Amino acid sequence: MATFAETPLCILVKSRPKEKKGSPSRDGGRKKPMLKELQEKKYPFSDLDLLRMLDGLLQSRIIKLPAPNRPEEAGRTNNPGHS
């Protein structure tokens, strides 16, 4: 039986720290804001400005709205005063 004295092959692999989903290190230790908190937050622009911004993004095709799942119901409202 023949044996060879060669340098062994060494493969270096960087190991990543294992994280659990939602671990504090992943999201900076902060909890996600609740919907109520987001609704109460004051933004530096008005609602009308927001509508104009969204219209501009749609017109320039930077964003695209998805097709409605039920196009026949797209114009409906739950407001009984409107028909």
N, C-alpha and C. Protein backbone atom coordinates (compact mmCIF):
# COMPACT_ATOMS: atom_id res chain seq x y z
N MET A 1 0.84 -1.15 0.00
CA MET A 1 0.00 0.00 0.00
C MET A 1 0.90 1.24 0.00
N ALA A 2 0.63 2.17 -0.92
CA ALA A 2 1.45 3.37 -1.02
C ALA A 2 0.72 4.55 -0.40
N THR A 3 1.45 5.39 0.30
CA THR A 3 0.88 6.61 0.87
C THR A 3 1.71 7.79 0.40
N PHE A 4 1.09 8.92 0.29
CA PHE A 4 1.77 10.12 -0.16
C PHE A 4 1.71 11.17 0.95
N ALA A 5 2.79 11.86 1.13
CA ALA A 5 2.84 12.92 2.14
C ALA A 5 2.61 14.26 1.44
N GLU A 6 1.37 14.58 1.21
CA GLU A 6 1.03 15.85 0.58
C GLU A 6 0.38 16.78 1.60
N THR A 7 0.37 18.05 1.28
CA THR A 7 -0.31 19.00 2.14
C THR A 7 -1.81 18.79 1.99
N PRO A 8 -2.52 18.65 3.10
CA PRO A 8 -3.97 18.42 2.99
C PRO A 8 -4.67 19.65 2.41
N LEU A 9 -5.73 19.38 1.68
CA LEU A 9 -6.53 20.44 1.08
C LEU A 9 -7.41 21.05 2.16
N CYS A 10 -7.36 22.36 2.27
CA CYS A 10 -8.14 23.06 3.28
C CYS A 10 -9.11 24.00 2.57
N ILE A 11 -10.39 23.86 2.86
CA ILE A 11 -11.42 24.72 2.27
C ILE A 11 -11.90 25.66 3.37
N LEU A 12 -11.74 26.95 3.10
CA LEU A 12 -12.17 27.95 4.07
C LEU A 12 -13.59 28.39 3.75
N VAL A 13 -14.44 28.32 4.74
CA VAL A 13 -15.83 28.74 4.59
C VAL A 13 -16.13 29.72 5.71
N LYS A 14 -16.66 30.88 5.33
CA LYS A 14 -17.06 31.84 6.35
C LYS A 14 -18.35 31.36 6.97
N SER A 15 -18.37 31.30 8.25
CA SER A 15 -19.60 30.89 8.93
C SER A 15 -20.40 32.13 9.27
N ARG A 16 -21.69 32.02 9.10
CA ARG A 16 -22.61 33.12 9.43
C ARG A 16 -23.22 32.83 10.78
N PRO A 17 -23.41 33.87 11.56
CA PRO A 17 -24.11 33.65 12.83
C PRO A 17 -25.55 33.24 12.56
N LYS A 18 -26.00 32.26 13.26
CA LYS A 18 -27.37 31.78 13.06
C LYS A 18 -28.32 32.70 13.79
N GLU A 19 -29.35 33.14 13.07
CA GLU A 19 -30.35 34.04 13.64
C GLU A 19 -31.72 33.40 13.52
N LYS A 20 -32.51 33.65 14.51
CA LYS A 20 -33.90 33.22 14.45
C LYS A 20 -34.70 34.31 13.79
N LYS A 21 -35.82 33.95 13.18
CA LYS A 21 -36.70 34.95 12.58
C LYS A 21 -37.17 35.91 13.65
N GLY A 22 -37.10 37.20 13.31
CA GLY A 22 -37.57 38.22 14.22
C GLY A 22 -36.66 38.44 15.42
N SER A 23 -35.41 38.01 15.30
CA SER A 23 -34.49 38.21 16.42
C SER A 23 -34.14 39.67 16.55
N PRO A 24 -33.81 40.13 17.74
CA PRO A 24 -33.51 41.55 17.95
C PRO A 24 -32.38 42.06 17.08
N SER A 25 -31.39 41.23 16.77
CA SER A 25 -30.27 41.69 15.96
C SER A 25 -30.69 41.98 14.53
N ARG A 26 -31.74 41.36 14.10
CA ARG A 26 -32.18 41.52 12.72
C ARG A 26 -32.96 42.82 12.51
N ASP A 27 -33.82 43.16 13.45
CA ASP A 27 -34.64 44.37 13.30
C ASP A 27 -34.19 45.50 14.22
N GLY A 28 -32.99 45.42 14.73
CA GLY A 28 -32.46 46.48 15.56
C GLY A 28 -33.04 46.52 16.97
N GLY A 29 -33.73 45.47 17.37
CA GLY A 29 -34.30 45.42 18.70
C GLY A 29 -35.58 46.22 18.85
N ARG A 30 -36.09 46.77 17.74
CA ARG A 30 -37.31 47.58 17.79
C ARG A 30 -38.50 46.73 17.39
N LYS A 31 -39.63 47.02 18.01
CA LYS A 31 -40.85 46.34 17.59
C LYS A 31 -41.44 47.11 16.41
N LYS A 32 -42.21 46.43 15.61
CA LYS A 32 -42.86 47.08 14.47
C LYS A 32 -43.99 47.96 14.99
N PRO A 33 -44.15 49.16 14.41
CA PRO A 33 -45.23 50.03 14.88
C PRO A 33 -46.60 49.44 14.52
N MET A 34 -47.54 49.68 15.40
CA MET A 34 -48.90 49.21 15.18
C MET A 34 -49.59 50.15 14.18
N LEU A 35 -50.66 49.69 13.56
CA LEU A 35 -51.39 50.48 12.58
C LEU A 35 -51.86 51.81 13.18
N LYS A 36 -52.36 51.76 14.40
CA LYS A 36 -52.85 52.97 15.06
C LYS A 36 -51.72 53.99 15.20
N GLU A 37 -50.52 53.53 15.55
CA GLU A 37 -49.37 54.42 15.68
C GLU A 37 -49.01 55.06 14.35
N LEU A 38 -49.08 54.27 13.28
CA LEU A 38 -48.77 54.81 11.95
C LEU A 38 -49.81 55.83 11.51
N GLN A 39 -51.08 55.57 11.85
CA GLN A 39 -52.15 56.50 11.48
C GLN A 39 -52.04 57.81 12.24
N GLU A 40 -51.55 57.77 13.47
CA GLU A 40 -51.44 58.98 14.28
C GLU A 40 -50.18 59.78 14.00
N LYS A 41 -49.22 59.18 13.29
CA LYS A 41 -47.96 59.85 13.00
C LYS A 41 -48.20 61.06 12.10
N LYS A 42 -47.53 62.15 12.39
CA LYS A 42 -47.64 63.37 11.59
C LYS A 42 -46.54 63.36 10.53
N TYR A 43 -46.92 63.54 9.29
CA TYR A 43 -45.97 63.55 8.18
C TYR A 43 -45.77 64.98 7.69
N PRO A 44 -44.63 65.28 7.06
CA PRO A 44 -44.33 66.66 6.64
C PRO A 44 -45.07 67.09 5.37
N PHE A 45 -46.04 66.32 4.92
CA PHE A 45 -46.81 66.68 3.74
C PHE A 45 -48.28 66.39 4.01
N SER A 46 -49.15 67.07 3.26
CA SER A 46 -50.59 66.89 3.47
C SER A 46 -51.10 65.68 2.69
N ASP A 47 -52.32 65.29 2.99
CA ASP A 47 -52.93 64.17 2.27
C ASP A 47 -53.09 64.50 0.79
N LEU A 48 -53.39 65.77 0.49
CA LEU A 48 -53.54 66.19 -0.90
C LEU A 48 -52.21 66.07 -1.64
N ASP A 49 -51.10 66.41 -0.96
CA ASP A 49 -49.78 66.25 -1.57
C ASP A 49 -49.49 64.78 -1.85
N LEU A 50 -49.92 63.92 -0.95
CA LEU A 50 -49.71 62.49 -1.13
C LEU A 50 -50.44 61.99 -2.37
N LEU A 51 -51.68 62.43 -2.55
CA LEU A 51 -52.44 62.03 -3.74
C LEU A 51 -51.74 62.49 -5.01
N ARG A 52 -51.22 63.70 -5.00
CA ARG A 52 -50.49 64.22 -6.16
C ARG A 52 -49.22 63.42 -6.42
N MET A 53 -48.52 63.07 -5.34
CA MET A 53 -47.29 62.27 -5.50
C MET A 53 -47.61 60.91 -6.11
N LEU A 54 -48.66 60.26 -5.60
CA LEU A 54 -49.02 58.94 -6.13
C LEU A 54 -49.47 59.03 -7.59
N ASP A 55 -50.26 60.07 -7.92
CA ASP A 55 -50.67 60.26 -9.31
C ASP A 55 -49.45 60.45 -10.21
N GLY A 56 -48.48 61.24 -9.75
CA GLY A 56 -47.27 61.46 -10.53
C GLY A 56 -46.47 60.18 -10.73
N LEU A 57 -46.38 59.36 -9.69
CA LEU A 57 -45.67 58.08 -9.80
C LEU A 57 -46.38 57.14 -10.76
N LEU A 58 -47.70 57.14 -10.75
CA LEU A 58 -48.47 56.30 -11.66
C LEU A 58 -48.30 56.77 -13.11
N GLN A 59 -48.37 58.09 -13.33
CA GLN A 59 -48.26 58.64 -14.68
C GLN A 59 -46.87 58.41 -15.27
N SER A 60 -45.84 58.50 -14.43
CA SER A 60 -44.48 58.29 -14.93
C SER A 60 -44.11 56.81 -14.96
N ARG A 61 -45.05 55.96 -14.57
CA ARG A 61 -44.90 54.49 -14.58
C ARG A 61 -43.76 54.00 -13.69
N ILE A 62 -43.52 54.76 -12.61
CA ILE A 62 -42.56 54.30 -11.62
C ILE A 62 -43.21 53.21 -10.77
N ILE A 63 -44.50 53.35 -10.52
CA ILE A 63 -45.27 52.32 -9.83
C ILE A 63 -46.43 51.91 -10.72
N LYS A 64 -46.94 50.71 -10.48
CA LYS A 64 -48.07 50.20 -11.26
C LYS A 64 -49.01 49.49 -10.30
N LEU A 65 -50.29 49.82 -10.40
CA LEU A 65 -51.27 49.17 -9.55
C LEU A 65 -51.61 47.79 -10.12
N PRO A 66 -51.83 46.81 -9.26
CA PRO A 66 -52.22 45.49 -9.76
C PRO A 66 -53.64 45.52 -10.32
N ALA A 67 -53.93 44.60 -11.20
CA ALA A 67 -55.28 44.49 -11.76
C ALA A 67 -56.22 44.03 -10.65
N PRO A 68 -57.45 44.55 -10.62
CA PRO A 68 -58.38 44.13 -9.57
C PRO A 68 -58.77 42.66 -9.75
N ASN A 69 -58.98 41.99 -8.64
CA ASN A 69 -59.39 40.58 -8.69
C ASN A 69 -60.81 40.43 -9.23
N ARG A 70 -61.67 41.39 -8.91
CA ARG A 70 -63.06 41.37 -9.37
C ARG A 70 -63.36 42.69 -10.07
N PRO A 71 -63.00 42.82 -11.35
CA PRO A 71 -63.18 44.10 -12.04
C PRO A 71 -64.63 44.58 -12.07
N GLU A 72 -65.59 43.68 -12.05
CA GLU A 72 -67.00 44.09 -12.09
C GLU A 72 -67.41 44.78 -10.80
N GLU A 73 -66.64 44.59 -9.71
CA GLU A 73 -66.96 45.22 -8.43
C GLU A 73 -66.03 46.39 -8.11
N ALA A 74 -65.18 46.77 -9.03
CA ALA A 74 -64.17 47.80 -8.76
C ALA A 74 -64.77 49.15 -8.41
N GLY A 75 -65.91 49.52 -8.98
CA GLY A 75 -66.49 50.83 -8.71
C GLY A 75 -67.47 50.83 -7.55
N ARG A 76 -67.72 49.70 -6.94
CA ARG A 76 -68.70 49.61 -5.86
C ARG A 76 -68.18 50.26 -4.57
N THR A 77 -69.11 50.75 -3.78
CA THR A 77 -68.80 51.25 -2.45
C THR A 77 -69.76 50.64 -1.46
N ASN A 78 -69.42 50.74 -0.19
CA ASN A 78 -70.30 50.25 0.87
C ASN A 78 -71.19 51.35 1.38
N ASN A 79 -71.16 52.51 0.75
CA ASN A 79 -71.95 53.66 1.19
C ASN A 79 -73.38 53.52 0.64
N PRO A 80 -74.38 53.32 1.51
CA PRO A 80 -75.75 53.11 1.03
C PRO A 80 -76.36 54.36 0.39
N GLY A 81 -75.77 55.54 0.63
CA GLY A 81 -76.31 56.77 0.05
C GLY A 81 -75.97 56.92 -1.43
N HIS A 82 -75.00 56.16 -1.91
CA HIS A 82 -74.62 56.22 -3.32
C HIS A 82 -75.11 54.99 -4.06
N SER A 83 -75.46 55.15 -5.30
CA SER A 83 -75.93 53.98 -6.05
C SER A 83 -74.96 53.62 -7.14
